[in-house]
PDB file of N, CA and C in Angstrom:
ATOM      1  N   MET A   1       1.423  11.635  -2.713  1.00  0.00           N
ATOM      2  CA  MET A   1       2.014  10.873  -3.792  1.00  0.00           C
ATOM      3  C   MET A   1       3.373  11.451  -4.143  1.00  0.00           C
ATOM      4  N   PHE A   2       4.326  10.604  -4.377  1.00  0.00           N
ATOM      5  CA  PHE A   2       5.675  11.041  -4.732  1.00  0.00           C
ATOM      6  C   PHE A   2       5.762  11.299  -6.225  1.00  0.00           C
ATOM      7  N   LYS A   3       6.533  12.311  -6.566  1.00  0.00           N
ATOM      8  CA  LYS A   3       6.838  12.517  -7.975  1.00  0.00           C
ATOM      9  C   LYS A   3       7.943  11.548  -8.358  1.00  0.00           C
ATOM     10  N   LYS A   4       8.272  11.498  -9.630  1.00  0.00           N
ATOM     11  CA  LYS A   4       9.345  10.597 -10.054  1.00  0.00           C
ATOM     12  C   LYS A   4      10.655  11.020  -9.407  1.00  0.00           C
ATOM     13  N   ASN A   5      11.573  10.085  -9.291  1.00  0.00           N
ATOM     14  CA  ASN A   5      12.871  10.376  -8.687  1.00  0.00           C
ATOM     15  C   ASN A   5      13.748  11.138  -9.667  1.00  0.00           C
ATOM     16  N   ASP A   6      14.388  12.184  -9.184  1.00  0.00           N
ATOM     17  CA  ASP A   6      15.297  12.969 -10.010  1.00  0.00           C
ATOM     18  C   ASP A   6      16.601  12.218 -10.257  1.00  0.00           C
ATOM     19  N   SER A   7      17.032  11.421  -9.289  1.00  0.00           N
ATOM     20  CA  SER A   7      18.295  10.676  -9.390  1.00  0.00           C
ATOM     21  C   SER A   7      18.094   9.279  -8.845  1.00  0.00           C
ATOM     22  N   ILE A   8      18.753   8.305  -9.489  1.00  0.00           N
ATOM     23  CA  ILE A   8      18.655   6.910  -9.059  1.00  0.00           C
ATOM     24  C   ILE A   8      20.048   6.293  -9.062  1.00  0.00           C
ATOM     25  N   ILE A   9      20.375   5.613  -7.971  1.00  0.00           N
ATOM     26  CA  ILE A   9      21.583   4.800  -7.904  1.00  0.00           C
ATOM     27  C   ILE A   9      21.082   3.367  -7.882  1.00  0.00           C
ATOM     28  N   GLY A  10      21.276   2.670  -8.987  1.00  0.00           N
ATOM     29  CA  GLY A  10      20.685   1.355  -9.195  1.00  0.00           C
ATOM     30  C   GLY A  10      21.314   0.250  -8.386  1.00  0.00           C
ATOM     31  N   ALA A  11      20.577  -0.860  -8.311  1.00  0.00           N
ATOM     32  CA  ALA A  11      21.059  -2.063  -7.633  1.00  0.00           C
ATOM     33  C   ALA A  11      22.341  -2.521  -8.314  1.00  0.00           C
ATOM     34  N   GLY A  12      23.294  -2.974  -7.537  1.00  0.00           N
ATOM     35  CA  GLY A  12      24.563  -3.429  -8.072  1.00  0.00           C
ATOM     36  C   GLY A  12      25.580  -2.317  -8.252  1.00  0.00           C
ATOM     37  N   THR A  13      25.167  -1.074  -8.054  1.00  0.00           N
ATOM     38  CA  THR A  13      26.077   0.062  -8.172  1.00  0.00           C
ATOM     39  C   THR A  13      26.677   0.370  -6.808  1.00  0.00           C
ATOM     40  N   GLN A  14      27.986   0.614  -6.778  1.00  0.00           N
ATOM     41  CA  GLN A  14      28.676   1.002  -5.552  1.00  0.00           C
ATOM     42  C   GLN A  14      29.359   2.334  -5.806  1.00  0.00           C
ATOM     43  N   ILE A  15      29.118   3.281  -4.932  1.00  0.00           N
ATOM     44  CA  ILE A  15      29.744   4.593  -5.038  1.00  0.00           C
ATOM     45  C   ILE A  15      30.604   4.816  -3.809  1.00  0.00           C
ATOM     46  N   VAL A  16      31.845   5.230  -4.032  1.00  0.00           N
ATOM     47  CA  VAL A  16      32.729   5.634  -2.953  1.00  0.00           C
ATOM     48  C   VAL A  16      32.989   7.112  -3.174  1.00  0.00           C
ATOM     49  N   GLY A  17      32.387   7.919  -2.323  1.00  0.00           N
ATOM     50  CA  GLY A  17      32.495   9.370  -2.447  1.00  0.00           C
ATOM     51  C   GLY A  17      31.229  10.024  -1.943  1.00  0.00           C
ATOM     52  N   ASN A  18      31.287  11.305  -1.748  1.00  0.00           N
ATOM     53  CA  ASN A  18      30.147  12.050  -1.230  1.00  0.00           C
ATOM     54  C   ASN A  18      29.186  12.394  -2.356  1.00  0.00           C
ATOM     55  N   ILE A  19      27.893  12.438  -2.018  1.00  0.00           N
ATOM     56  CA  ILE A  19      26.853  12.798  -2.972  1.00  0.00           C
ATOM     57  C   ILE A  19      26.143  14.035  -2.451  1.00  0.00           C
ATOM     58  N   ILE A  20      25.996  15.024  -3.312  1.00  0.00           N
ATOM     59  CA  ILE A  20      25.226  16.228  -3.002  1.00  0.00           C
ATOM     60  C   ILE A  20      24.146  16.323  -4.068  1.00  0.00           C
ATOM     61  N   PHE A  21      22.874  16.410  -3.662  1.00  0.00           N
ATOM     62  CA  PHE A  21      21.782  16.379  -4.634  1.00  0.00           C
ATOM     63  C   PHE A  21      20.652  17.308  -4.223  1.00  0.00           C
ATOM     64  N   SER A  22      19.715  17.498  -5.149  1.00  0.00           N
ATOM     65  CA  SER A  22      18.477  18.209  -4.838  1.00  0.00           C
ATOM     66  C   SER A  22      17.331  17.438  -5.462  1.00  0.00           C
ATOM     67  N   GLY A  23      16.132  17.703  -5.000  1.00  0.00           N
ATOM     68  CA  GLY A  23      14.962  16.977  -5.497  1.00  0.00           C
ATOM     69  C   GLY A  23      14.777  15.687  -4.737  1.00  0.00           C
ATOM     70  N   SER A  24      14.638  14.598  -5.471  1.00  0.00           N
ATOM     71  CA  SER A  24      14.488  13.289  -4.827  1.00  0.00           C
ATOM     72  C   SER A  24      15.516  12.325  -5.395  1.00  0.00           C
ATOM     73  N   MET A  25      16.013  11.466  -4.518  1.00  0.00           N
ATOM     74  CA  MET A  25      16.998  10.467  -4.930  1.00  0.00           C
ATOM     75  C   MET A  25      16.613   9.120  -4.353  1.00  0.00           C
ATOM     76  N   LEU A  26      16.590   8.103  -5.228  1.00  0.00           N
ATOM     77  CA  LEU A  26      16.374   6.721  -4.821  1.00  0.00           C
ATOM     78  C   LEU A  26      17.722   6.017  -4.856  1.00  0.00           C
ATOM     79  N   ILE A  27      18.096   5.410  -3.730  1.00  0.00           N
ATOM     80  CA  ILE A  27      19.321   4.614  -3.685  1.00  0.00           C
ATOM     81  C   ILE A  27      18.913   3.154  -3.542  1.00  0.00           C
ATOM     82  N   ASP A  28      19.346   2.364  -4.524  1.00  0.00           N
ATOM     83  CA  ASP A  28      19.056   0.939  -4.548  1.00  0.00           C
ATOM     84  C   ASP A  28      20.360   0.144  -4.473  1.00  0.00           C
ATOM     85  N   GLY A  29      21.500   0.850  -4.473  1.00  0.00           N
ATOM     86  CA  GLY A  29      22.820   0.237  -4.409  1.00  0.00           C
ATOM     87  C   GLY A  29      23.497   0.540  -3.084  1.00  0.00           C
ATOM     88  N   HIS A  30      24.823   0.740  -3.139  1.00  0.00           N
ATOM     89  CA  HIS A  30      25.598   0.969  -1.920  1.00  0.00           C
ATOM     90  C   HIS A  30      26.418   2.251  -2.069  1.00  0.00           C
ATOM     91  N   VAL A  31      26.385   3.093  -1.032  1.00  0.00           N
ATOM     92  CA  VAL A  31      27.167   4.331  -1.009  1.00  0.00           C
ATOM     93  C   VAL A  31      28.057   4.320   0.217  1.00  0.00           C
ATOM     94  N   ARG A  32      29.358   4.558   0.006  1.00  0.00           N
ATOM     95  CA  ARG A  32      30.286   4.760   1.127  1.00  0.00           C
ATOM     96  C   ARG A  32      30.741   6.203   1.038  1.00  0.00           C
ATOM     97  N   GLY A  33      30.055   7.048   1.762  1.00  0.00           N
ATOM     98  CA  GLY A  33      30.300   8.481   1.742  1.00  0.00           C
ATOM     99  C   GLY A  33      29.082   9.196   2.295  1.00  0.00           C
ATOM    100  N   ASN A  34      29.156  10.492   2.356  1.00  0.00           N
ATOM    101  CA  ASN A  34      28.070  11.299   2.910  1.00  0.00           C
ATOM    102  C   ASN A  34      27.057  11.626   1.824  1.00  0.00           C
ATOM    103  N   VAL A  35      25.791  11.653   2.208  1.00  0.00           N
ATOM    104  CA  VAL A  35      24.708  12.008   1.283  1.00  0.00           C
ATOM    105  C   VAL A  35      24.035  13.250   1.846  1.00  0.00           C
ATOM    106  N   THR A  36      24.101  14.338   1.076  1.00  0.00           N
ATOM    107  CA  THR A  36      23.656  15.638   1.567  1.00  0.00           C
ATOM    108  C   THR A  36      22.833  16.348   0.508  1.00  0.00           C
ATOM    109  N   GLU A  37      21.779  17.034   0.946  1.00  0.00           N
ATOM    110  CA  GLU A  37      21.021  17.859   0.009  1.00  0.00           C
ATOM    111  C   GLU A  37      21.738  19.192  -0.199  1.00  0.00           C
ATOM    112  N   ILE A  38      21.504  19.801  -1.357  1.00  0.00           N
ATOM    113  CA  ILE A  38      22.048  21.134  -1.627  1.00  0.00           C
ATOM    114  C   ILE A  38      21.438  22.096  -0.611  1.00  0.00           C
ATOM    115  N   ALA A  39      22.241  22.991  -0.079  1.00  0.00           N
ATOM    116  CA  ALA A  39      21.792  23.929   0.955  1.00  0.00           C
ATOM    117  C   ALA A  39      20.511  24.641   0.525  1.00  0.00           C
ATOM    118  N   GLN A  40      19.549  24.653   1.410  1.00  0.00           N
ATOM    119  CA  GLN A  40      18.272  25.334   1.269  1.00  0.00           C
ATOM    120  C   GLN A  40      17.415  24.798   0.125  1.00  0.00           C
ATOM    121  N   LYS A  41      17.664  23.569  -0.290  1.00  0.00           N
ATOM    122  CA  LYS A  41      16.822  22.872  -1.271  1.00  0.00           C
ATOM    123  C   LYS A  41      16.245  21.657  -0.555  1.00  0.00           C
ATOM    124  N   ARG A  42      15.000  21.759  -0.125  1.00  0.00           N
ATOM    125  CA  ARG A  42      14.372  20.654   0.599  1.00  0.00           C
ATOM    126  C   ARG A  42      14.299  19.431  -0.312  1.00  0.00           C
ATOM    127  N   SER A  43      14.935  18.348   0.115  1.00  0.00           N
ATOM    128  CA  SER A  43      15.061  17.165  -0.721  1.00  0.00           C
ATOM    129  C   SER A  43      14.607  15.911   0.013  1.00  0.00           C
ATOM    130  N   THR A  44      14.388  14.847  -0.762  1.00  0.00           N
ATOM    131  CA  THR A  44      13.944  13.570  -0.220  1.00  0.00           C
ATOM    132  C   THR A  44      14.901  12.466  -0.642  1.00  0.00           C
ATOM    133  N   LEU A  45      15.318  11.651   0.327  1.00  0.00           N
ATOM    134  CA  LEU A  45      16.154  10.494   0.070  1.00  0.00           C
ATOM    135  C   LEU A  45      15.333   9.244   0.349  1.00  0.00           C
ATOM    136  N   ILE A  46      15.323   8.319  -0.623  1.00  0.00           N
ATOM    137  CA  ILE A  46      14.647   7.035  -0.455  1.00  0.00           C
ATOM    138  C   ILE A  46      15.710   5.953  -0.531  1.00  0.00           C
ATOM    139  N   LEU A  47      15.841   5.191   0.535  1.00  0.00           N
ATOM    140  CA  LEU A  47      16.818   4.104   0.613  1.00  0.00           C
ATOM    141  C   LEU A  47      16.050   2.786   0.593  1.00  0.00           C
ATOM    142  N   SER A  48      16.198   2.002  -0.487  1.00  0.00           N
ATOM    143  CA  SER A  48      15.424   0.767  -0.622  1.00  0.00           C
ATOM    144  C   SER A  48      15.898  -0.287   0.371  1.00  0.00           C
ATOM    145  N   GLU A  49      15.125  -1.343   0.487  1.00  0.00           N
ATOM    146  CA  GLU A  49      15.417  -2.393   1.467  1.00  0.00           C
ATOM    147  C   GLU A  49      16.701  -3.147   1.164  1.00  0.00           C
ATOM    148  N   ARG A  50      17.199  -3.114  -0.045  1.00  0.00           N
ATOM    149  CA  ARG A  50      18.449  -3.823  -0.372  1.00  0.00           C
ATOM    150  C   ARG A  50      19.639  -2.877  -0.498  1.00  0.00           C
ATOM    151  N   ALA A  51      19.455  -1.624  -0.134  1.00  0.00           N
ATOM    152  CA  ALA A  51      20.493  -0.602  -0.269  1.00  0.00           C
ATOM    153  C   ALA A  51      21.160  -0.313   1.068  1.00  0.00           C
ATOM    154  N   SER A  52      22.311   0.398   0.989  1.00  0.00           N
ATOM    155  CA  SER A  52      22.982   0.806   2.222  1.00  0.00           C
ATOM    156  C   SER A  52      23.791   2.077   1.993  1.00  0.00           C
ATOM    157  N   ILE A  53      23.935   2.828   3.078  1.00  0.00           N
ATOM    158  CA  ILE A  53      24.776   4.022   3.094  1.00  0.00           C
ATOM    159  C   ILE A  53      25.680   3.911   4.311  1.00  0.00           C
ATOM    160  N   GLU A  54      26.973   4.085   4.094  1.00  0.00           N
ATOM    161  CA  GLU A  54      27.944   4.171   5.188  1.00  0.00           C
ATOM    162  C   GLU A  54      28.433   5.605   5.209  1.00  0.00           C
ATOM    163  N   GLY A  55      27.838   6.419   6.047  1.00  0.00           N
ATOM    164  CA  GLY A  55      28.226   7.820   6.125  1.00  0.00           C
ATOM    165  C   GLY A  55      27.120   8.660   6.719  1.00  0.00           C
ATOM    166  N   ALA A  56      27.366   9.947   6.765  1.00  0.00           N
ATOM    167  CA  ALA A  56      26.389  10.887   7.315  1.00  0.00           C
ATOM    168  C   ALA A  56      25.327  11.192   6.262  1.00  0.00           C
ATOM    169  N   VAL A  57      24.095  11.361   6.713  1.00  0.00           N
ATOM    170  CA  VAL A  57      22.984  11.709   5.828  1.00  0.00           C
ATOM    171  C   VAL A  57      22.355  12.988   6.353  1.00  0.00           C
ATOM    172  N   VAL A  58      22.309  14.012   5.492  1.00  0.00           N
ATOM    173  CA  VAL A  58      21.716  15.293   5.868  1.00  0.00           C
ATOM    174  C   VAL A  58      20.729  15.685   4.773  1.00  0.00           C
ATOM    175  N   VAL A  59      19.452  15.347   4.988  1.00  0.00           N
ATOM    176  CA  VAL A  59      18.385  15.695   4.052  1.00  0.00           C
ATOM    177  C   VAL A  59      17.137  16.061   4.837  1.00  0.00           C
ATOM    178  N   THR A  60      16.236  16.791   4.184  1.00  0.00           N
ATOM    179  CA  THR A  60      15.006  17.219   4.846  1.00  0.00           C
ATOM    180  C   THR A  60      14.084  16.035   5.128  1.00  0.00           C
ATOM    181  N   HIS A  61      13.928  15.147   4.131  1.00  0.00           N
ATOM    182  CA  HIS A  61      13.021  13.999   4.267  1.00  0.00           C
ATOM    183  C   HIS A  61      13.775  12.720   3.943  1.00  0.00           C
ATOM    184  N   GLN A  62      13.510  11.667   4.743  1.00  0.00           N
ATOM    185  CA  GLN A  62      14.158  10.372   4.542  1.00  0.00           C
ATOM    186  C   GLN A  62      13.116   9.264   4.618  1.00  0.00           C
ATOM    187  N   ILE A  63      13.214   8.329   3.690  1.00  0.00           N
ATOM    188  CA  ILE A  63      12.426   7.101   3.752  1.00  0.00           C
ATOM    189  C   ILE A  63      13.465   5.982   3.732  1.00  0.00           C
ATOM    190  N   ILE A  64      13.689   5.364   4.890  1.00  0.00           N
ATOM    191  CA  ILE A  64      14.780   4.413   5.055  1.00  0.00           C
ATOM    192  C   ILE A  64      14.209   3.005   5.228  1.00  0.00           C
ATOM    193  N   SER A  65      14.497   2.141   4.270  1.00  0.00           N
ATOM    194  CA  SER A  65      14.124   0.732   4.387  1.00  0.00           C
ATOM    195  C   SER A  65      15.360  -0.154   4.457  1.00  0.00           C
ATOM    196  N   GLY A  66      16.496   0.348   3.987  1.00  0.00           N
ATOM    197  CA  GLY A  66      17.743  -0.414   3.952  1.00  0.00           C
ATOM    198  C   GLY A  66      18.601  -0.130   5.164  1.00  0.00           C
ATOM    199  N   ALA A  67      19.902  -0.394   5.018  1.00  0.00           N
ATOM    200  CA  ALA A  67      20.862  -0.212   6.113  1.00  0.00           C
ATOM    201  C   ALA A  67      21.499   1.175   6.056  1.00  0.00           C
ATOM    202  N   LEU A  68      21.346   1.909   7.118  1.00  0.00           N
ATOM    203  CA  LEU A  68      21.986   3.212   7.250  1.00  0.00           C
ATOM    204  C   LEU A  68      23.015   3.094   8.364  1.00  0.00           C
ATOM    205  N   ILE A  69      24.283   3.030   7.973  1.00  0.00           N
ATOM    206  CA  ILE A  69      25.371   2.914   8.926  1.00  0.00           C
ATOM    207  C   ILE A  69      25.936   4.331   9.039  1.00  0.00           C
ATOM    208  N   SER A  70      25.334   5.090   9.920  1.00  0.00           N
ATOM    209  CA  SER A  70      25.619   6.516   9.985  1.00  0.00           C
ATOM    210  C   SER A  70      26.821   6.819  10.869  1.00  0.00           C
ATOM    211  N   SER A  71      27.534   7.827  10.457  1.00  0.00           N
ATOM    212  CA  SER A  71      28.665   8.325  11.225  1.00  0.00           C
ATOM    213  C   SER A  71      28.685   9.842  11.068  1.00  0.00           C
ATOM    214  N   PRO A  72      29.427  10.542  11.913  1.00  0.00           N
ATOM    215  CA  PRO A  72      29.454  12.009  11.785  1.00  0.00           C
ATOM    216  C   PRO A  72      29.851  12.457  10.387  1.00  0.00           C
ATOM    217  N   ALA A  73      30.841  11.813   9.788  1.00  0.00           N
ATOM    218  CA  ALA A  73      31.261  12.117   8.424  1.00  0.00           C
ATOM    219  C   ALA A  73      32.222  11.042   7.969  1.00  0.00           C
ATOM    220  N   VAL A  74      32.160  10.710   6.705  1.00  0.00           N
ATOM    221  CA  VAL A  74      33.056   9.711   6.132  1.00  0.00           C
ATOM    222  C   VAL A  74      33.889  10.402   5.077  1.00  0.00           C
ATOM    223  N   MET A  75      35.186  10.243   5.171  1.00  0.00           N
ATOM    224  CA  MET A  75      36.070  10.762   4.137  1.00  0.00           C
ATOM    225  C   MET A  75      36.240   9.657   3.105  1.00  0.00           C
ATOM    226  N   ALA A  76      35.629   9.821   1.969  1.00  0.00           N
ATOM    227  CA  ALA A  76      35.653   8.777   0.947  1.00  0.00           C
ATOM    228  C   ALA A  76      36.846   8.934   0.028  1.00  0.00           C
TER     229      ALA A  76
END
């Protein structure tokens, strides 16, 4: 069972820039940038079916239902 999400990017939200987080993050909007966990903090990223990320993703655990347009790195 998952615990509650520590961070949420809601539907209709667009972020241009890199995100660094720990714990769990639910993305329901759109991110153009890299999504990375804090070093040595095992984290979980949940990407909903209507969400998208354009950039590199570096996390311990991923649950991907949306669009992941991955690249080595995006300069946002």
